[in-house]
Amino acid sequence: MAGMQIRLLEKTTYNMGSLAVAGAGAEIFFAQNVNVTRYREAMLLIRVHSKTMPTSTKVTFKVYKSSPSAEDPSVVFRDTTSIISTTEHLAADTVPELLNAVIPTSGSGFGSTLDFSLTPTYVAGGGTFQVSYSIDLVVKV
């Protein structure tokens, strides 16, 4: 099977220090409407380049089926449930680190497009919360 690697996110540093309260921060969509109509298999590769994270913090990655509409381009048509198992980068993890998540097809394919997000979870009394990621999607026809 022929395959290819799609860059979803160039090395990017996220500074989560502006999170003022404990709990999950805002969900950040780093890639949207990625066309996967030609592919049967996919794996998300998350490279953790560097991190400074308070104890007990984490970042959760999610993948959603989506389907934009030319008739209503301002509306986001996205499934509400992530299609990958929980994939998390924890404060206790060492760097560099490679996380991966197989994206299941559920027998019917992925749909037309996929959206990718990350959500930081902060703890009360934490300190600097900064992480650098680069992320690819490896796909097979």
Foldseek 3Di string as FASTA:
>chain_A
DDKDKAWQFDWDKDWPQVPPAFFKDDKFWSHWFAFDPPFDWKKKKKWWADWDWFAPKKKWKFKWQWDADPVCRVDTGIDPHGQWDTWMDHPPDDPRDITMIIRDQVVPGRHGGMIMIMMIGHHPPGDTTMTIMIMMMMTDD
